[in-house]
């Protein structure tokens, strides 16, 4: 994502007025930048659970343009209920213990 992503740039890319962009988002009860932040957080989440062990939480935060790792950790914890590192560890733990076939009688 671009460092300079803004409502003005989005409106320009969509060939609509800035006013119409804001109105469209207002109809669904969110701001343009709230949506951008949610999309960045979702992208970071997806990278967190799919990346290899060498990719750090800080790497992911930087890729998705969070101002710093601690800002990303706060946003992530607010949405998902735990820190990115804890979430990633739990996802990996579950994947390692997932049965290869259903239990008998299932």
PDB file of N, CA and C in Angstrom:
ATOM      1  N   UNK A   1       0.838  -1.174   0.000  1.00  0.00           N
ATOM      2  CA  UNK A   1       0.000   0.000   0.000  1.00  0.00           C
ATOM      3  C   UNK A   1       0.880   1.232   0.000  1.00  0.00           C
ATOM      4  N   UNK A   2       0.373   2.263  -0.570  1.00  0.00           N
ATOM      5  CA  UNK A   2       1.109   3.502  -0.712  1.00  0.00           C
ATOM      6  C   UNK A   2       1.150   4.275   0.598  1.00  0.00           C
ATOM      7  N   UNK A   3       2.316   4.844   0.901  1.00  0.00           N
ATOM      8  CA  UNK A   3       2.458   5.677   2.100  1.00  0.00           C
ATOM      9  C   UNK A   3       1.494   6.853   2.079  1.00  0.00           C
ATOM     10  N   UNK A   4       1.189   7.334   0.904  1.00  0.00           N
ATOM     11  CA  UNK A   4       0.380   8.536   0.762  1.00  0.00           C
ATOM     12  C   UNK A   4      -1.093   8.233   0.488  1.00  0.00           C
ATOM     13  N   UNK A   5      -1.529   7.030   0.774  1.00  0.00           N
ATOM     14  CA  UNK A   5      -2.919   6.669   0.522  1.00  0.00           C
ATOM     15  C   UNK A   5      -3.826   7.593   1.310  1.00  0.00           C
ATOM     16  N   UNK A   6      -4.726   8.222   0.599  1.00  0.00           N
ATOM     17  CA  UNK A   6      -5.615   9.206   1.216  1.00  0.00           C
ATOM     18  C   UNK A   6      -6.946   9.198   0.480  1.00  0.00           C
ATOM     19  N   UNK A   7      -7.968   9.785   1.093  1.00  0.00           N
ATOM     20  CA  UNK A   7      -9.240   9.889   0.385  1.00  0.00           C
ATOM     21  C   UNK A   7      -9.101  10.605  -0.971  1.00  0.00           C
ATOM     22  N   UNK A   8      -8.274  11.620  -1.036  1.00  0.00           N
ATOM     23  CA  UNK A   8      -8.083  12.343  -2.301  1.00  0.00           C
ATOM     24  C   UNK A   8      -7.515  11.436  -3.384  1.00  0.00           C
ATOM     25  N   UNK A   9      -6.514  10.660  -3.029  1.00  0.00           N
ATOM     26  CA  UNK A   9      -5.911   9.746  -3.995  1.00  0.00           C
ATOM     27  C   UNK A   9      -6.905   8.669  -4.417  1.00  0.00           C
ATOM     28  N   UNK A  10      -7.653   8.138  -3.479  1.00  0.00           N
ATOM     29  CA  UNK A  10      -8.649   7.109  -3.796  1.00  0.00           C
ATOM     30  C   UNK A  10      -9.707   7.670  -4.739  1.00  0.00           C
ATOM     31  N   UNK A  11     -10.206   8.854  -4.435  1.00  0.00           N
ATOM     32  CA  UNK A  11     -11.211   9.482  -5.298  1.00  0.00           C
ATOM     33  C   UNK A  11     -10.656   9.695  -6.705  1.00  0.00           C
ATOM     34  N   UNK A  12      -9.429  10.153  -6.778  1.00  0.00           N
ATOM     35  CA  UNK A  12      -8.800  10.380  -8.088  1.00  0.00           C
ATOM     36  C   UNK A  12      -8.693   9.078  -8.864  1.00  0.00           C
ATOM     37  N   UNK A  13      -8.225   8.009  -8.207  1.00  0.00           N
ATOM     38  CA  UNK A  13      -8.079   6.709  -8.868  1.00  0.00           C
ATOM     39  C   UNK A  13      -9.421   6.142  -9.325  1.00  0.00           C
ATOM     40  N   UNK A  14     -10.476   6.441  -8.576  1.00  0.00           N
ATOM     41  CA  UNK A  14     -11.813   5.954  -8.931  1.00  0.00           C
ATOM     42  C   UNK A  14     -12.548   6.888  -9.885  1.00  0.00           C
ATOM     43  N   UNK A  15     -11.932   8.025 -10.170  1.00  0.00           N
ATOM     44  CA  UNK A  15     -12.515   9.043 -11.054  1.00  0.00           C
ATOM     45  C   UNK A  15     -13.868   9.535 -10.534  1.00  0.00           C
ATOM     46  N   UNK A  16     -13.911   9.781  -9.223  1.00  0.00           N
ATOM     47  CA  UNK A  16     -15.094  10.376  -8.616  1.00  0.00           C
ATOM     48  C   UNK A  16     -14.645  11.562  -7.761  1.00  0.00           C
ATOM     49  N   UNK A  17     -15.594  12.375  -7.390  1.00  0.00           N
ATOM     50  CA  UNK A  17     -15.230  13.515  -6.550  1.00  0.00           C
ATOM     51  C   UNK A  17     -14.963  13.045  -5.116  1.00  0.00           C
ATOM     52  N   UNK A  18     -14.156  13.803  -4.425  1.00  0.00           N
ATOM     53  CA  UNK A  18     -13.873  13.500  -3.025  1.00  0.00           C
ATOM     54  C   UNK A  18     -15.167  13.516  -2.216  1.00  0.00           C
ATOM     55  N   UNK A  19     -16.032  14.462  -2.511  1.00  0.00           N
ATOM     56  CA  UNK A  19     -17.313  14.564  -1.810  1.00  0.00           C
ATOM     57  C   UNK A  19     -18.152  13.293  -1.999  1.00  0.00           C
ATOM     58  N   UNK A  20     -18.214  12.802  -3.241  1.00  0.00           N
ATOM     59  CA  UNK A  20     -18.981  11.575  -3.502  1.00  0.00           C
ATOM     60  C   UNK A  20     -18.366  10.366  -2.810  1.00  0.00           C
ATOM     61  N   UNK A  21     -17.048  10.319  -2.750  1.00  0.00           N
ATOM     62  CA  UNK A  21     -16.392   9.223  -2.043  1.00  0.00           C
ATOM     63  C   UNK A  21     -16.803   9.222  -0.575  1.00  0.00           C
ATOM     64  N   UNK A  22     -16.711  10.390   0.065  1.00  0.00           N
ATOM     65  CA  UNK A  22     -17.088  10.484   1.479  1.00  0.00           C
ATOM     66  C   UNK A  22     -18.570  10.174   1.686  1.00  0.00           C
ATOM     67  N   UNK A  23     -19.410  10.644   0.798  1.00  0.00           N
ATOM     68  CA  UNK A  23     -20.848  10.347   0.899  1.00  0.00           C
ATOM     69  C   UNK A  23     -21.117   8.850   0.799  1.00  0.00           C
ATOM     70  N   UNK A  24     -20.438   8.193  -0.117  1.00  0.00           N
ATOM     71  CA  UNK A  24     -20.639   6.756  -0.301  1.00  0.00           C
ATOM     72  C   UNK A  24     -20.289   5.984   0.961  1.00  0.00           C
ATOM     73  N   UNK A  25     -19.203   6.361   1.590  1.00  0.00           N
ATOM     74  CA  UNK A  25     -18.820   5.690   2.823  1.00  0.00           C
ATOM     75  C   UNK A  25     -19.742   6.072   3.978  1.00  0.00           C
ATOM     76  N   UNK A  26     -20.183   7.305   4.009  1.00  0.00           N
ATOM     77  CA  UNK A  26     -21.091   7.751   5.070  1.00  0.00           C
ATOM     78  C   UNK A  26     -22.391   6.939   5.041  1.00  0.00           C
ATOM     79  N   UNK A  27     -22.826   6.551   3.859  1.00  0.00           N
ATOM     80  CA  UNK A  27     -24.057   5.752   3.735  1.00  0.00           C
ATOM     81  C   UNK A  27     -23.944   4.412   4.447  1.00  0.00           C
ATOM     82  N   UNK A  28     -22.735   3.879   4.531  1.00  0.00           N
ATOM     83  CA  UNK A  28     -22.563   2.591   5.215  1.00  0.00           C
ATOM     84  C   UNK A  28     -22.001   2.770   6.632  1.00  0.00           C
ATOM     85  N   UNK A  29     -21.872   4.009   7.042  1.00  0.00           N
ATOM     86  CA  UNK A  29     -21.539   4.297   8.437  1.00  0.00           C
ATOM     87  C   UNK A  29     -20.075   4.238   8.818  1.00  0.00           C
ATOM     88  N   UNK A  30     -19.181   4.330   7.846  1.00  0.00           N
ATOM     89  CA  UNK A  30     -17.750   4.359   8.160  1.00  0.00           C
ATOM     90  C   UNK A  30     -17.067   5.447   7.340  1.00  0.00           C
ATOM     91  N   UNK A  31     -15.868   5.792   7.753  1.00  0.00           N
ATOM     92  CA  UNK A  31     -15.103   6.765   6.962  1.00  0.00           C
ATOM     93  C   UNK A  31     -14.202   6.015   5.990  1.00  0.00           C
ATOM     94  N   UNK A  32     -13.737   6.730   4.994  1.00  0.00           N
ATOM     95  CA  UNK A  32     -12.828   6.151   4.008  1.00  0.00           C
ATOM     96  C   UNK A  32     -11.591   5.594   4.721  1.00  0.00           C
ATOM     97  N   UNK A  33     -11.012   6.386   5.592  1.00  0.00           N
ATOM     98  CA  UNK A  33      -9.783   5.964   6.247  1.00  0.00           C
ATOM     99  C   UNK A  33     -10.021   4.832   7.243  1.00  0.00           C
ATOM    100  N   UNK A  34     -11.198   4.760   7.848  1.00  0.00           N
ATOM    101  CA  UNK A  34     -11.513   3.596   8.687  1.00  0.00           C
ATOM    102  C   UNK A  34     -11.462   2.322   7.844  1.00  0.00           C
ATOM    103  N   UNK A  35     -12.002   2.386   6.651  1.00  0.00           N
ATOM    104  CA  UNK A  35     -11.979   1.223   5.760  1.00  0.00           C
ATOM    105  C   UNK A  35     -10.553   0.884   5.345  1.00  0.00           C
ATOM    106  N   UNK A  36      -9.767   1.893   5.029  1.00  0.00           N
ATOM    107  CA  UNK A  36      -8.366   1.659   4.663  1.00  0.00           C
ATOM    108  C   UNK A  36      -7.639   0.982   5.821  1.00  0.00           C
ATOM    109  N   UNK A  37      -7.845   1.475   7.034  1.00  0.00           N
ATOM    110  CA  UNK A  37      -7.199   0.876   8.207  1.00  0.00           C
ATOM    111  C   UNK A  37      -7.637  -0.579   8.403  1.00  0.00           C
ATOM    112  N   UNK A  38      -8.924  -0.866   8.194  1.00  0.00           N
ATOM    113  CA  UNK A  38      -9.414  -2.240   8.341  1.00  0.00           C
ATOM    114  C   UNK A  38      -8.817  -3.160   7.280  1.00  0.00           C
ATOM    115  N   UNK A  39      -8.688  -2.663   6.064  1.00  0.00           N
ATOM    116  CA  UNK A  39      -8.091  -3.464   4.996  1.00  0.00           C
ATOM    117  C   UNK A  39      -6.614  -3.736   5.271  1.00  0.00           C
ATOM    118  N   UNK A  40      -5.906  -2.734   5.776  1.00  0.00           N
ATOM    119  CA  UNK A  40      -4.498  -2.926   6.132  1.00  0.00           C
ATOM    120  C   UNK A  40      -4.374  -3.943   7.264  1.00  0.00           C
ATOM    121  N   UNK A  41      -5.244  -3.849   8.256  1.00  0.00           N
ATOM    122  CA  UNK A  41      -5.198  -4.781   9.377  1.00  0.00           C
ATOM    123  C   UNK A  41      -5.509  -6.205   8.909  1.00  0.00           C
ATOM    124  N   UNK A  42      -6.474  -6.355   8.020  1.00  0.00           N
ATOM    125  CA  UNK A  42      -6.803  -7.677   7.485  1.00  0.00           C
ATOM    126  C   UNK A  42      -5.635  -8.242   6.682  1.00  0.00           C
ATOM    127  N   UNK A  43      -5.001  -7.399   5.877  1.00  0.00           N
ATOM    128  CA  UNK A  43      -3.840  -7.847   5.112  1.00  0.00           C
ATOM    129  C   UNK A  43      -2.704  -8.279   6.023  1.00  0.00           C
ATOM    130  N   UNK A  44      -2.473  -7.502   7.075  1.00  0.00           N
ATOM    131  CA  UNK A  44      -1.426  -7.847   8.044  1.00  0.00           C
ATOM    132  C   UNK A  44      -1.771  -9.161   8.749  1.00  0.00           C
ATOM    133  N   UNK A  45      -3.033  -9.328   9.103  1.00  0.00           N
ATOM    134  CA  UNK A  45      -3.490 -10.579   9.733  1.00  0.00           C
ATOM    135  C   UNK A  45      -3.198 -11.761   8.815  1.00  0.00           C
ATOM    136  N   UNK A  46      -3.577 -11.635   7.550  1.00  0.00           N
ATOM    137  CA  UNK A  46      -3.375 -12.728   6.594  1.00  0.00           C
ATOM    138  C   UNK A  46      -1.896 -13.059   6.443  1.00  0.00           C
ATOM    139  N   UNK A  47      -1.060 -12.021   6.376  1.00  0.00           N
ATOM    140  CA  UNK A  47       0.383 -12.251   6.291  1.00  0.00           C
ATOM    141  C   UNK A  47       0.911 -12.903   7.564  1.00  0.00           C
ATOM    142  N   UNK A  48       0.388 -12.494   8.676  1.00  0.00           N
ATOM    143  CA  UNK A  48       0.837 -13.033   9.964  1.00  0.00           C
ATOM    144  C   UNK A  48       0.627 -14.542  10.037  1.00  0.00           C
ATOM    145  N   UNK A  49      -0.521 -15.004   9.599  1.00  0.00           N
ATOM    146  CA  UNK A  49      -0.813 -16.439   9.712  1.00  0.00           C
ATOM    147  C   UNK A  49      -0.230 -17.261   8.569  1.00  0.00           C
ATOM    148  N   UNK A  50       0.164 -16.616   7.477  1.00  0.00           N
ATOM    149  CA  UNK A  50       0.673 -17.381   6.339  1.00  0.00           C
ATOM    150  C   UNK A  50       2.182 -17.247   6.121  1.00  0.00           C
ATOM    151  N   UNK A  51       2.824 -16.332   6.814  1.00  0.00           N
ATOM    152  CA  UNK A  51       4.253 -16.107   6.590  1.00  0.00           C
ATOM    153  C   UNK A  51       5.100 -17.139   7.324  1.00  0.00           C
ATOM    154  N   UNK A  52       6.338 -17.262   6.878  1.00  0.00           N
ATOM    155  CA  UNK A  52       7.239 -18.203   7.546  1.00  0.00           C
ATOM    156  C   UNK A  52       7.775 -17.591   8.840  1.00  0.00           C
ATOM    157  N   UNK A  53       8.447 -18.397   9.608  1.00  0.00           N
ATOM    158  CA  UNK A  53       8.925 -17.983  10.930  1.00  0.00           C
ATOM    159  C   UNK A  53       9.961 -16.858  10.882  1.00  0.00           C
ATOM    160  N   UNK A  54      10.609 -16.675   9.740  1.00  0.00           N
ATOM    161  CA  UNK A  54      11.621 -15.622   9.655  1.00  0.00           C
ATOM    162  C   UNK A  54      11.014 -14.230   9.507  1.00  0.00           C
ATOM    163  N   UNK A  55       9.751 -14.142   9.144  1.00  0.00           N
ATOM    164  CA  UNK A  55       9.085 -12.846   9.020  1.00  0.00           C
ATOM    165  C   UNK A  55       8.619 -12.402  10.395  1.00  0.00           C
ATOM    166  N   UNK A  56       9.102 -11.262  10.838  1.00  0.00           N
ATOM    167  CA  UNK A  56       8.764 -10.779  12.172  1.00  0.00           C
ATOM    168  C   UNK A  56       7.484  -9.971  12.158  1.00  0.00           C
ATOM    169  N   UNK A  57       6.929  -9.785  13.328  1.00  0.00           N
ATOM    170  CA  UNK A  57       5.753  -8.922  13.473  1.00  0.00           C
ATOM    171  C   UNK A  57       6.103  -7.511  12.996  1.00  0.00           C
ATOM    172  N   UNK A  58       7.294  -7.048  13.296  1.00  0.00           N
ATOM    173  CA  UNK A  58       7.731  -5.722  12.841  1.00  0.00           C
ATOM    174  C   UNK A  58       7.791  -5.644  11.320  1.00  0.00           C
ATOM    175  N   UNK A  59       8.256  -6.723  10.673  1.00  0.00           N
ATOM    176  CA  UNK A  59       8.286  -6.757   9.206  1.00  0.00           C
ATOM    177  C   UNK A  59       6.878  -6.598   8.632  1.00  0.00           C
ATOM    178  N   UNK A  60       5.943  -7.319   9.215  1.00  0.00           N
ATOM    179  CA  UNK A  60       4.558  -7.261   8.738  1.00  0.00           C
ATOM    180  C   UNK A  60       3.962  -5.877   8.989  1.00  0.00           C
ATOM    181  N   UNK A  61       4.211  -5.318  10.166  1.00  0.00           N
ATOM    182  CA  UNK A  61       3.718  -3.975  10.481  1.00  0.00           C
ATOM    183  C   UNK A  61       4.252  -2.965   9.470  1.00  0.00           C
ATOM    184  N   UNK A  62       5.523  -3.064   9.139  1.00  0.00           N
ATOM    185  CA  UNK A  62       6.127  -2.134   8.176  1.00  0.00           C
ATOM    186  C   UNK A  62       5.541  -2.328   6.775  1.00  0.00           C
ATOM    187  N   UNK A  63       5.377  -3.579   6.369  1.00  0.00           N
ATOM    188  CA  UNK A  63       4.827  -3.859   5.037  1.00  0.00           C
ATOM    189  C   UNK A  63       3.447  -3.219   4.862  1.00  0.00           C
ATOM    190  N   UNK A  64       2.638  -3.274   5.921  1.00  0.00           N
ATOM    191  CA  UNK A  64       1.271  -2.768   5.836  1.00  0.00           C
ATOM    192  C   UNK A  64       1.144  -1.324   6.322  1.00  0.00           C
ATOM    193  N   UNK A  65       2.274  -0.643   6.437  1.00  0.00           N
ATOM    194  CA  UNK A  65       2.345   0.804   6.683  1.00  0.00           C
ATOM    195  C   UNK A  65       1.794   1.245   8.030  1.00  0.00           C
ATOM    196  N   UNK A  66       1.935   0.401   9.048  1.00  0.00           N
ATOM    197  CA  UNK A  66       1.625   0.861  10.397  1.00  0.00           C
ATOM    198  C   UNK A  66       2.796   1.718  10.842  1.00  0.00           C
ATOM    199  N   UNK A  67       2.529   2.756  11.612  1.00  0.00           N
ATOM    200  CA  UNK A  67       3.581   3.717  11.951  1.00  0.00           C
ATOM    201  C   UNK A  67       4.741   3.063  12.693  1.00  0.00           C
ATOM    202  N   UNK A  68       4.454   2.054  13.498  1.00  0.00           N
ATOM    203  CA  UNK A  68       5.495   1.262  14.155  1.00  0.00           C
ATOM    204  C   UNK A  68       4.863  -0.020  14.673  1.00  0.00           C
ATOM    205  N   UNK A  69       5.705  -0.926  15.138  1.00  0.00           N
ATOM    206  CA  UNK A  69       5.211  -2.234  15.572  1.00  0.00           C
ATOM    207  C   UNK A  69       4.257  -2.118  16.751  1.00  0.00           C
ATOM    208  N   UNK A  70       4.529  -1.205  17.684  1.00  0.00           N
ATOM    209  CA  UNK A  70       3.648  -1.101  18.854  1.00  0.00           C
ATOM    210  C   UNK A  70       2.255  -0.606  18.458  1.00  0.00           C
ATOM    211  N   UNK A  71       2.182   0.278  17.477  1.00  0.00           N
ATOM    212  CA  UNK A  71       0.881   0.738  16.970  1.00  0.00           C
ATOM    213  C   UNK A  71       0.117  -0.441  16.348  1.00  0.00           C
ATOM    214  N   UNK A  72       0.830  -1.245  15.567  1.00  0.00           N
ATOM    215  CA  UNK A  72       0.216  -2.423  14.963  1.00  0.00           C
ATOM    216  C   UNK A  72      -0.271  -3.394  16.035  1.00  0.00           C
ATOM    217  N   UNK A  73       0.550  -3.637  17.044  1.00  0.00           N
ATOM    218  CA  UNK A  73       0.171  -4.556  18.127  1.00  0.00           C
ATOM    219  C   UNK A  73      -1.108  -4.072  18.809  1.00  0.00           C
ATOM    220  N   UNK A  74      -1.196  -2.788  19.107  1.00  0.00           N
ATOM    221  CA  UNK A  74      -2.413  -2.244  19.747  1.00  0.00           C
ATOM    222  C   UNK A  74      -3.639  -2.421  18.860  1.00  0.00           C
ATOM    223  N   UNK A  75      -3.518  -2.102  17.577  1.00  0.00           N
ATOM    224  CA  UNK A  75      -4.654  -2.258  16.651  1.00  0.00           C
ATOM    225  C   UNK A  75      -5.066  -3.726  16.524  1.00  0.00           C
ATOM    226  N   UNK A  76      -4.080  -4.582  16.383  1.00  0.00           N
ATOM    227  CA  UNK A  76      -4.354  -6.012  16.221  1.00  0.00           C
ATOM    228  C   UNK A  76      -5.045  -6.569  17.459  1.00  0.00           C
ATOM    229  N   UNK A  77      -4.515  -6.238  18.618  1.00  0.00           N
ATOM    230  CA  UNK A  77      -5.094  -6.744  19.865  1.00  0.00           C
ATOM    231  C   UNK A  77      -6.512  -6.225  20.061  1.00  0.00           C
ATOM    232  N   UNK A  78      -6.758  -4.996  19.676  1.00  0.00           N
ATOM    233  CA  UNK A  78      -8.097  -4.421  19.785  1.00  0.00           C
ATOM    234  C   UNK A  78      -9.099  -5.202  18.928  1.00  0.00           C
ATOM    235  N   UNK A  79      -8.678  -5.622  17.746  1.00  0.00           N
ATOM    236  CA  UNK A  79      -9.592  -6.344  16.850  1.00  0.00           C
ATOM    237  C   UNK A  79      -9.665  -7.840  17.149  1.00  0.00           C
ATOM    238  N   UNK A  80      -8.528  -8.479  17.418  1.00  0.00           N
ATOM    239  CA  UNK A  80      -8.481  -9.937  17.525  1.00  0.00           C
ATOM    240  C   UNK A  80      -8.356 -10.462  18.954  1.00  0.00           C
ATOM    241  N   UNK A  81      -8.205  -9.581  19.928  1.00  0.00           N
ATOM    242  CA  UNK A  81      -8.216  -9.990  21.321  1.00  0.00           C
ATOM    243  C   UNK A  81      -6.907 -10.499  21.884  1.00  0.00           C
ATOM    244  N   UNK A  82      -5.868 -10.541  21.079  1.00  0.00           N
ATOM    245  CA  UNK A  82      -4.549 -10.930  21.575  1.00  0.00           C
ATOM    246  C   UNK A  82      -3.480 -10.311  20.686  1.00  0.00           C
ATOM    247  N   UNK A  83      -2.251 -10.340  21.157  1.00  0.00           N
ATOM    248  CA  UNK A  83      -1.166  -9.746  20.390  1.00  0.00           C
ATOM    249  C   UNK A  83      -0.908 -10.555  19.128  1.00  0.00           C
ATOM    250  N   UNK A  84      -0.305  -9.926  18.122  1.00  0.00           N
ATOM    251  CA  UNK A  84       0.013 -10.677  16.907  1.00  0.00           C
ATOM    252  C   UNK A  84       0.894 -11.901  17.173  1.00  0.00           C
ATOM    253  N   UNK A  85       1.875 -11.762  18.035  1.00  0.00           N
ATOM    254  CA  UNK A  85       2.769 -12.898  18.325  1.00  0.00           C
ATOM    255  C   UNK A  85       1.999 -14.048  18.979  1.00  0.00           C
ATOM    256  N   UNK A  86       1.138 -13.739  19.932  1.00  0.00           N
ATOM    257  CA  UNK A  86       0.333 -14.781  20.580  1.00  0.00           C
ATOM    258  C   UNK A  86      -0.627 -15.428  19.592  1.00  0.00           C
ATOM    259  N   UNK A  87      -1.250 -14.618  18.768  1.00  0.00           N
ATOM    260  CA  UNK A  87      -2.195 -15.120  17.773  1.00  0.00           C
ATOM    261  C   UNK A  87      -1.487 -16.069  16.806  1.00  0.00           C
ATOM    262  N   UNK A  88      -0.326 -15.632  16.306  1.00  0.00           N
ATOM    263  CA  UNK A  88       0.445 -16.446  15.367  1.00  0.00           C
ATOM    264  C   UNK A  88       0.857 -17.767  16.022  1.00  0.00           C
ATOM    265  N   UNK A  89       1.332 -17.719  17.256  1.00  0.00           N
ATOM    266  CA  UNK A  89       1.748 -18.931  17.962  1.00  0.00           C
ATOM    267  C   UNK A  89       0.578 -19.896  18.121  1.00  0.00           C
ATOM    268  N   UNK A  90      -0.593 -19.377  18.449  1.00  0.00           N
ATOM    269  CA  UNK A  90      -1.776 -20.224  18.620  1.00  0.00           C
ATOM    270  C   UNK A  90      -2.201 -20.854  17.294  1.00  0.00           C
ATOM    271  N   UNK A  91      -2.180 -20.080  16.223  1.00  0.00           N
ATOM    272  CA  UNK A  91      -2.539 -20.619  14.903  1.00  0.00           C
ATOM    273  C   UNK A  91      -1.573 -21.741  14.524  1.00  0.00           C
ATOM    274  N   UNK A  92      -0.294 -21.523  14.756  1.00  0.00           N
ATOM    275  CA  UNK A  92       0.699 -22.554  14.420  1.00  0.00           C
ATOM    276  C   UNK A  92       0.563 -23.778  15.317  1.00  0.00           C
ATOM    277  N   UNK A  93       0.297 -23.551  16.595  1.00  0.00           N
ATOM    278  CA  UNK A  93       0.121 -24.675  17.516  1.00  0.00           C
ATOM    279  C   UNK A  93      -1.047 -25.545  17.071  1.00  0.00           C
ATOM    280  N   UNK A  94      -2.146 -24.901  16.713  1.00  0.00           N
ATOM    281  CA  UNK A  94      -3.322 -25.660  16.258  1.00  0.00           C
ATOM    282  C   UNK A  94      -3.034 -26.418  14.971  1.00  0.00           C
ATOM    283  N   UNK A  95      -2.292 -25.795  14.063  1.00  0.00           N
ATOM    284  CA  UNK A  95      -1.967 -26.445  12.789  1.00  0.00           C
ATOM    285  C   UNK A  95      -1.096 -27.671  13.014  1.00  0.00           C
ATOM    286  N   UNK A  96      -0.180 -27.587  13.971  1.00  0.00           N
ATOM    287  CA  UNK A  96       0.706 -28.710  14.252  1.00  0.00           C
ATOM    288  C   UNK A  96      -0.026 -29.868  14.907  1.00  0.00           C
ATOM    289  N   UNK A  97      -1.118 -29.600  15.598  1.00  0.00           N
ATOM    290  CA  UNK A  97      -1.854 -30.635  16.313  1.00  0.00           C
ATOM    291  C   UNK A  97      -3.151 -31.040  15.607  1.00  0.00           C
ATOM    292  N   UNK A  98      -3.346 -30.558  14.422  1.00  0.00           N
ATOM    293  CA  UNK A  98      -4.558 -30.869  13.684  1.00  0.00           C
ATOM    294  C   UNK A  98      -4.491 -32.313  13.182  1.00  0.00           C
ATOM    295  N   UNK A  99      -5.530 -33.103  13.455  1.00  0.00           N
ATOM    296  CA  UNK A  99      -5.501 -34.495  12.979  1.00  0.00           C
ATOM    297  C   UNK A  99      -5.534 -34.542  11.450  1.00  0.00           C
ATOM    298  N   UNK A 100      -4.908 -35.550  10.904  1.00  0.00           N
ATOM    299  CA  UNK A 100      -4.858 -35.692   9.461  1.00  0.00           C
ATOM    300  C   UNK A 100      -6.144 -36.303   8.907  1.00  0.00           C
ATOM    301  N   UNK A 101      -6.926 -36.943   9.751  1.00  0.00           N
ATOM    302  CA  UNK A 101      -8.201 -37.516   9.337  1.00  0.00           C
ATOM    303  C   UNK A 101      -9.198 -37.363  10.478  1.00  0.00           C
ATOM    304  N   UNK A 102     -10.477 -37.391  10.158  1.00  0.00           N
ATOM    305  CA  UNK A 102     -11.495 -37.220  11.209  1.00  0.00           C
ATOM    306  C   UNK A 102     -11.455 -38.356  12.233  1.00  0.00           C
ATOM    307  N   UNK A 103     -11.840 -38.041  13.439  1.00  0.00           N
ATOM    308  CA  UNK A 103     -11.913 -39.062  14.497  1.00  0.00           C
ATOM    309  C   UNK A 103     -12.985 -40.071  14.136  1.00  0.00           C
ATOM    310  N   UNK A 104     -12.827 -41.302  14.599  1.00  0.00           N
ATOM    311  CA  UNK A 104     -13.795 -42.362  14.356  1.00  0.00           C
ATOM    312  C   UNK A 104     -15.164 -41.942  14.889  1.00  0.00           C
ATOM    313  N   UNK A 105     -16.192 -42.222  14.112  1.00  0.00           N
ATOM    314  CA  UNK A 105     -17.549 -41.894  14.523  1.00  0.00           C
ATOM    315  C   UNK A 105     -17.962 -40.480  14.164  1.00  0.00           C
ATOM    316  N   UNK A 106     -17.096 -39.730  13.486  1.00  0.00           N
ATOM    317  CA  UNK A 106     -17.439 -38.350  13.088  1.00  0.00           C
ATOM    318  C   UNK A 106     -18.051 -38.323  11.731  1.00  0.00           C
TER     319      UNK A 106
END
